[in-house]
PDB file of N, CA and C in Angstrom:
ATOM      1  N   MET A   1      42.189 119.823 140.684  1.00  0.00           N
ATOM      2  CA  MET A   1      42.776 120.098 139.421  1.00  0.00           C
ATOM      3  C   MET A   1      41.774 120.221 138.257  1.00  0.00           C
ATOM      4  N   PRO A   2      41.824 121.046 137.551  1.00  0.00           N
ATOM      5  CA  PRO A   2      41.013 121.220 136.310  1.00  0.00           C
ATOM      6  C   PRO A   2      41.183 120.358 135.287  1.00  0.00           C
ATOM      7  N   THR A   3      40.212 120.075 134.403  1.00  0.00           N
ATOM      8  CA  THR A   3      40.435 119.288 133.110  1.00  0.00           C
ATOM      9  C   THR A   3      40.453 120.295 132.031  1.00  0.00           C
ATOM     10  N   TYR A   4      41.501 120.275 131.098  1.00  0.00           N
ATOM     11  CA  TYR A   4      41.642 121.114 130.038  1.00  0.00           C
ATOM     12  C   TYR A   4      41.293 120.235 128.572  1.00  0.00           C
ATOM     13  N   SER A   5      40.807 121.110 127.609  1.00  0.00           N
ATOM     14  CA  SER A   5      40.522 120.493 126.528  1.00  0.00           C
ATOM     15  C   SER A   5      41.444 120.959 125.389  1.00  0.00           C
ATOM     16  N   PHE A   6      42.011 120.128 124.493  1.00  0.00           N
ATOM     17  CA  PHE A   6      42.925 120.453 123.393  1.00  0.00           C
ATOM     18  C   PHE A   6      42.526 119.979 122.025  1.00  0.00           C
ATOM     19  N   LYS A   7      43.049 120.436 121.131  1.00  0.00           N
ATOM     20  CA  LYS A   7      43.137 119.879 119.858  1.00  0.00           C
ATOM     21  C   LYS A   7      44.487 119.833 119.142  1.00  0.00           C
ATOM     22  N   ASP A   8      44.556 118.715 118.489  1.00  0.00           N
ATOM     23  CA  ASP A   8      45.910 118.568 117.710  1.00  0.00           C
ATOM     24  C   ASP A   8      45.788 119.228 116.486  1.00  0.00           C
ATOM     25  N   LYS A   9      46.650 120.237 116.246  1.00  0.00           N
ATOM     26  CA  LYS A   9      46.534 120.967 114.808  1.00  0.00           C
ATOM     27  C   LYS A   9      46.836 120.032 113.645  1.00  0.00           C
ATOM     28  N   ASN A  10      47.691 118.967 113.869  1.00  0.00           N
ATOM     29  CA  ASN A  10      48.060 118.156 112.710  1.00  0.00           C
ATOM     30  C   ASN A  10      46.818 117.090 112.460  1.00  0.00           C
ATOM     31  N   THR A  11      46.299 116.609 113.435  1.00  0.00           N
ATOM     32  CA  THR A  11      45.473 115.410 113.138  1.00  0.00           C
ATOM     33  C   THR A  11      43.977 115.908 113.344  1.00  0.00           C
ATOM     34  N   GLY A  12      43.647 116.910 114.069  1.00  0.00           N
ATOM     35  CA  GLY A  12      42.337 117.416 114.316  1.00  0.00           C
ATOM     36  C   GLY A  12      41.715 116.677 115.389  1.00  0.00           C
ATOM     37  N   GLU A  13      42.487 115.748 116.259  1.00  0.00           N
ATOM     38  CA  GLU A  13      41.927 115.085 117.304  1.00  0.00           C
ATOM     39  C   GLU A  13      41.708 116.132 118.480  1.00  0.00           C
ATOM     40  N   GLU A  14      40.644 115.719 119.196  1.00  0.00           N
ATOM     41  CA  GLU A  14      40.205 116.551 120.411  1.00  0.00           C
ATOM     42  C   GLU A  14      40.372 115.705 121.604  1.00  0.00           C
ATOM     43  N   PHE A  15      40.940 116.050 122.753  1.00  0.00           N
ATOM     44  CA  PHE A  15      41.166 115.289 123.903  1.00  0.00           C
ATOM     45  C   PHE A  15      41.135 116.059 125.129  1.00  0.00           C
ATOM     46  N   ASP A  16      40.925 115.596 126.171  1.00  0.00           N
ATOM     47  CA  ASP A  16      40.859 116.222 127.655  1.00  0.00           C
ATOM     48  C   ASP A  16      42.084 115.747 128.343  1.00  0.00           C
ATOM     49  N   ALA A  17      42.640 116.659 129.234  1.00  0.00           N
ATOM     50  CA  ALA A  17      43.779 116.371 129.959  1.00  0.00           C
ATOM     51  C   ALA A  17      43.504 117.062 131.428  1.00  0.00           C
ATOM     52  N   PHE A  18      43.692 116.245 132.490  1.00  0.00           N
ATOM     53  CA  PHE A  18      43.606 116.548 133.676  1.00  0.00           C
ATOM     54  C   PHE A  18      45.123 116.891 134.267  1.00  0.00           C
ATOM     55  N   MET A  19      45.234 118.130 134.695  1.00  0.00           N
ATOM     56  CA  MET A  19      46.670 118.675 135.282  1.00  0.00           C
ATOM     57  C   MET A  19      46.393 119.929 136.105  1.00  0.00           C
ATOM     58  N   ALA A  20      47.530 120.162 136.828  1.00  0.00           N
ATOM     59  CA  ALA A  20      47.342 121.405 137.699  1.00  0.00           C
ATOM     60  C   ALA A  20      47.589 122.443 136.914  1.00  0.00           C
ATOM     61  N   VAL A  21      47.011 123.749 137.308  1.00  0.00           N
ATOM     62  CA  VAL A  21      47.236 124.925 136.531  1.00  0.00           C
ATOM     63  C   VAL A  21      48.498 125.352 136.471  1.00  0.00           C
ATOM     64  N   LYS A  22      49.517 124.914 137.353  1.00  0.00           N
ATOM     65  CA  LYS A  22      50.743 125.405 137.198  1.00  0.00           C
ATOM     66  C   LYS A  22      51.651 124.664 136.120  1.00  0.00           C
ATOM     67  N   ASP A  23      50.970 123.532 135.487  1.00  0.00           N
ATOM     68  CA  ASP A  23      51.588 122.562 134.588  1.00  0.00           C
ATOM     69  C   ASP A  23      51.055 123.096 133.304  1.00  0.00           C
ATOM     70  N   LEU A  24      50.109 123.683 133.088  1.00  0.00           N
ATOM     71  CA  LEU A  24      49.605 124.049 131.744  1.00  0.00           C
ATOM     72  C   LEU A  24      50.411 124.794 130.802  1.00  0.00           C
ATOM     73  N   ASP A  25      51.033 125.745 131.112  1.00  0.00           N
ATOM     74  CA  ASP A  25      52.107 126.513 130.294  1.00  0.00           C
ATOM     75  C   ASP A  25      53.145 125.667 129.800  1.00  0.00           C
ATOM     76  N   LYS A  26      53.802 124.876 130.700  1.00  0.00           N
ATOM     77  CA  LYS A  26      54.986 123.917 130.398  1.00  0.00           C
ATOM     78  C   LYS A  26      54.304 122.843 129.263  1.00  0.00           C
ATOM     79  N   PHE A  27      53.094 122.331 129.615  1.00  0.00           N
ATOM     80  CA  PHE A  27      52.512 121.324 128.614  1.00  0.00           C
ATOM     81  C   PHE A  27      52.362 121.895 127.376  1.00  0.00           C
ATOM     82  N   LEU A  28      51.750 123.135 127.208  1.00  0.00           N
ATOM     83  CA  LEU A  28      51.652 123.731 125.957  1.00  0.00           C
ATOM     84  C   LEU A  28      53.068 124.034 125.131  1.00  0.00           C
ATOM     85  N   GLU A  29      53.841 124.501 125.880  1.00  0.00           N
ATOM     86  CA  GLU A  29      55.258 124.805 125.475  1.00  0.00           C
ATOM     87  C   GLU A  29      55.889 123.634 124.892  1.00  0.00           C
ATOM     88  N   ASP A  30      55.707 122.479 125.641  1.00  0.00           N
ATOM     89  CA  ASP A  30      56.245 121.056 125.220  1.00  0.00           C
ATOM     90  C   ASP A  30      55.576 120.554 124.005  1.00  0.00           C
ATOM     91  N   ASN A  31      54.338 121.017 123.804  1.00  0.00           N
ATOM     92  CA  ASN A  31      53.492 120.354 122.704  1.00  0.00           C
ATOM     93  C   ASN A  31      52.871 121.460 121.970  1.00  0.00           C
ATOM     94  N   PRO A  32      53.671 122.112 121.087  1.00  0.00           N
ATOM     95  CA  PRO A  32      53.366 123.332 120.081  1.00  0.00           C
ATOM     96  C   PRO A  32      52.352 122.923 119.172  1.00  0.00           C
ATOM     97  N   HIS A  33      52.063 121.489 118.772  1.00  0.00           N
ATOM     98  CA  HIS A  33      51.279 121.050 117.863  1.00  0.00           C
ATOM     99  C   HIS A  33      49.661 121.130 118.605  1.00  0.00           C
ATOM    100  N   LEU A  34      49.534 121.466 119.825  1.00  0.00           N
ATOM    101  CA  LEU A  34      48.188 121.349 120.375  1.00  0.00           C
ATOM    102  C   LEU A  34      47.885 122.863 120.743  1.00  0.00           C
ATOM    103  N   ILE A  35      46.688 123.013 120.653  1.00  0.00           N
ATOM    104  CA  ILE A  35      45.890 124.272 121.041  1.00  0.00           C
ATOM    105  C   ILE A  35      44.805 124.042 122.023  1.00  0.00           C
ATOM    106  N   GLN A  36      44.812 124.866 123.114  1.00  0.00           N
ATOM    107  CA  GLN A  36      43.727 124.687 124.132  1.00  0.00           C
ATOM    108  C   GLN A  36      42.484 125.190 123.581  1.00  0.00           C
ATOM    109  N   LEU A  37      41.409 124.419 123.994  1.00  0.00           N
ATOM    110  CA  LEU A  37      39.969 124.772 123.497  1.00  0.00           C
ATOM    111  C   LEU A  37      39.302 125.371 124.608  1.00  0.00           C
ATOM    112  N   LEU A  38      38.595 126.311 124.469  1.00  0.00           N
ATOM    113  CA  LEU A  38      37.880 127.091 125.439  1.00  0.00           C
ATOM    114  C   LEU A  38      36.682 126.109 125.906  1.00  0.00           C
ATOM    115  N   SER A  39      36.370 126.001 127.354  1.00  0.00           N
ATOM    116  CA  SER A  39      35.169 125.334 127.626  1.00  0.00           C
ATOM    117  C   SER A  39      34.432 126.037 128.867  1.00  0.00           C
ATOM    118  N   ALA A  40      33.353 125.849 129.149  1.00  0.00           N
ATOM    119  CA  ALA A  40      32.613 126.523 130.312  1.00  0.00           C
ATOM    120  C   ALA A  40      33.087 125.686 131.415  1.00  0.00           C
ATOM    121  N   PRO A  41      33.093 126.450 132.569  1.00  0.00           N
ATOM    122  CA  PRO A  41      33.506 125.822 133.640  1.00  0.00           C
ATOM    123  C   PRO A  41      32.362 125.137 134.370  1.00  0.00           C
ATOM    124  N   MET A  42      32.666 124.045 135.064  1.00  0.00           N
ATOM    125  CA  MET A  42      31.672 123.215 135.846  1.00  0.00           C
ATOM    126  C   MET A  42      31.458 123.712 137.211  1.00  0.00           C
ATOM    127  N   PHE A  43      30.269 124.036 137.543  1.00  0.00           N
ATOM    128  CA  PHE A  43      29.834 124.470 139.016  1.00  0.00           C
ATOM    129  C   PHE A  43      29.284 123.203 139.808  1.00  0.00           C
ATOM    130  N   LEU A  44      29.925 123.141 140.788  1.00  0.00           N
ATOM    131  CA  LEU A  44      29.303 122.025 141.765  1.00  0.00           C
ATOM    132  C   LEU A  44      28.701 122.722 143.039  1.00  0.00           C
ATOM    133  N   GLY A  45      27.570 122.405 143.567  1.00  0.00           N
ATOM    134  CA  GLY A  45      27.120 122.801 144.793  1.00  0.00           C
ATOM    135  C   GLY A  45      26.087 122.018 145.369  1.00  0.00           C
ATOM    136  N   ALA A  46      25.635 122.361 146.503  1.00  0.00           N
ATOM    137  CA  ALA A  46      24.591 121.499 147.332  1.00  0.00           C
ATOM    138  C   ALA A  46      23.193 121.777 146.666  1.00  0.00           C
ATOM    139  N   ASN A  47      23.015 122.766 145.911  1.00  0.00           N
ATOM    140  CA  ASN A  47      21.563 122.970 145.421  1.00  0.00           C
ATOM    141  C   ASN A  47      21.565 122.917 144.012  1.00  0.00           C
ATOM    142  N   MET A  48      21.967 121.597 143.580  1.00  0.00           N
ATOM    143  CA  MET A  48      21.695 121.318 141.993  1.00  0.00           C
ATOM    144  C   MET A  48      20.647 120.599 141.834  1.00  0.00           C
ATOM    145  N   ASP A  49      19.874 121.000 140.585  1.00  0.00           N
ATOM    146  CA  ASP A  49      18.640 120.391 140.348  1.00  0.00           C
ATOM    147  C   ASP A  49      18.525 120.092 138.793  1.00  0.00           C
ATOM    148  N   GLY A  50      18.860 118.973 138.405  1.00  0.00           N
ATOM    149  CA  GLY A  50      18.894 118.434 137.133  1.00  0.00           C
ATOM    150  C   GLY A  50      19.999 119.161 136.264  1.00  0.00           C
ATOM    151  N   GLY A  51      21.208 119.446 136.870  1.00  0.00           N
ATOM    152  CA  GLY A  51      22.195 120.347 136.145  1.00  0.00           C
ATOM    153  C   GLY A  51      22.023 121.635 136.242  1.00  0.00           C
ATOM    154  N   MET A  52      21.037 122.154 136.525  1.00  0.00           N
ATOM    155  CA  MET A  52      20.840 123.635 136.700  1.00  0.00           C
ATOM    156  C   MET A  52      20.860 124.157 138.159  1.00  0.00           C
ATOM    157  N   LEU A  53      21.322 125.192 138.493  1.00  0.00           N
ATOM    158  CA  LEU A  53      21.488 125.753 139.781  1.00  0.00           C
ATOM    159  C   LEU A  53      19.952 126.034 140.219  1.00  0.00           C
ATOM    160  N   ASN A  54      19.574 125.746 141.535  1.00  0.00           N
ATOM    161  CA  ASN A  54      18.323 126.006 142.095  1.00  0.00           C
ATOM    162  C   ASN A  54      18.315 127.366 142.589  1.00  0.00           C
ATOM    163  N   ASN A  55      17.852 128.291 141.946  1.00  0.00           N
ATOM    164  CA  ASN A  55      17.910 129.612 142.507  1.00  0.00           C
ATOM    165  C   ASN A  55      16.597 130.106 143.077  1.00  0.00           C
ATOM    166  N   LYS A  56      16.007 129.248 143.774  1.00  0.00           N
ATOM    167  CA  LYS A  56      14.838 129.527 144.539  1.00  0.00           C
ATOM    168  C   LYS A  56      14.938 130.158 145.860  1.00  0.00           C
ATOM    169  N   PRO A  57      14.323 131.272 146.082  1.00  0.00           N
ATOM    170  CA  PRO A  57      14.655 131.902 147.469  1.00  0.00           C
ATOM    171  C   PRO A  57      14.682 131.082 148.726  1.00  0.00           C
ATOM    172  N   TYR A  58      15.438 131.410 149.586  1.00  0.00           N
ATOM    173  CA  TYR A  58      15.570 130.543 150.829  1.00  0.00           C
ATOM    174  C   TYR A  58      14.339 130.841 151.724  1.00  0.00           C
ATOM    175  N   ASP A  59      13.649 129.875 152.114  1.00  0.00           N
ATOM    176  CA  ASP A  59      12.606 130.007 153.131  1.00  0.00           C
ATOM    177  C   ASP A  59      12.978 129.046 154.184  1.00  0.00           C
ATOM    178  N   PRO A  60      13.360 129.469 155.481  1.00  0.00           N
ATOM    179  CA  PRO A  60      13.729 128.767 156.562  1.00  0.00           C
ATOM    180  C   PRO A  60      12.680 127.740 157.054  1.00  0.00           C
ATOM    181  N   LYS A  61      11.310 128.094 156.693  1.00  0.00           N
ATOM    182  CA  LYS A  61      10.272 127.362 157.174  1.00  0.00           C
ATOM    183  C   LYS A  61       9.693 126.325 156.222  1.00  0.00           C
ATOM    184  N   GLY A  62      10.307 126.422 155.027  1.00  0.00           N
ATOM    185  CA  GLY A  62       9.900 125.755 153.827  1.00  0.00           C
ATOM    186  C   GLY A  62       8.441 125.753 153.289  1.00  0.00           C
ATOM    187  N   LYS A  63       8.030 127.028 153.598  1.00  0.00           N
ATOM    188  CA  LYS A  63       6.615 127.302 153.084  1.00  0.00           C
ATOM    189  C   LYS A  63       6.590 128.257 152.006  1.00  0.00           C
ATOM    190  N   SER A  64       7.777 128.395 151.290  1.00  0.00           N
ATOM    191  CA  SER A  64       7.605 129.221 150.196  1.00  0.00           C
ATOM    192  C   SER A  64       6.929 128.769 149.073  1.00  0.00           C
ATOM    193  N   ASP A  65       6.124 129.510 148.461  1.00  0.00           N
ATOM    194  CA  ASP A  65       5.362 129.056 147.057  1.00  0.00           C
ATOM    195  C   ASP A  65       6.221 129.316 145.884  1.00  0.00           C
ATOM    196  N   ALA A  66       7.558 129.846 146.113  1.00  0.00           N
ATOM    197  CA  ALA A  66       8.277 130.075 144.812  1.00  0.00           C
ATOM    198  C   ALA A  66       8.843 128.876 144.165  1.00  0.00           C
TER     199      ALA A  66
END
């Protein structure tokens, strides 16, 4: 399930909520004082290097100078 970021239009408070995609529309409908904030998606993978994707070419023998 994704985490969504919201801002309360009345107080200016920002917070995150963890919910299923199918529940998002109902949540926003039930809370008209909230607006959804845009955020970048988080990518997880086996080739992570300090938070950045490791885009080095694959070398099956491990001898690449790249």
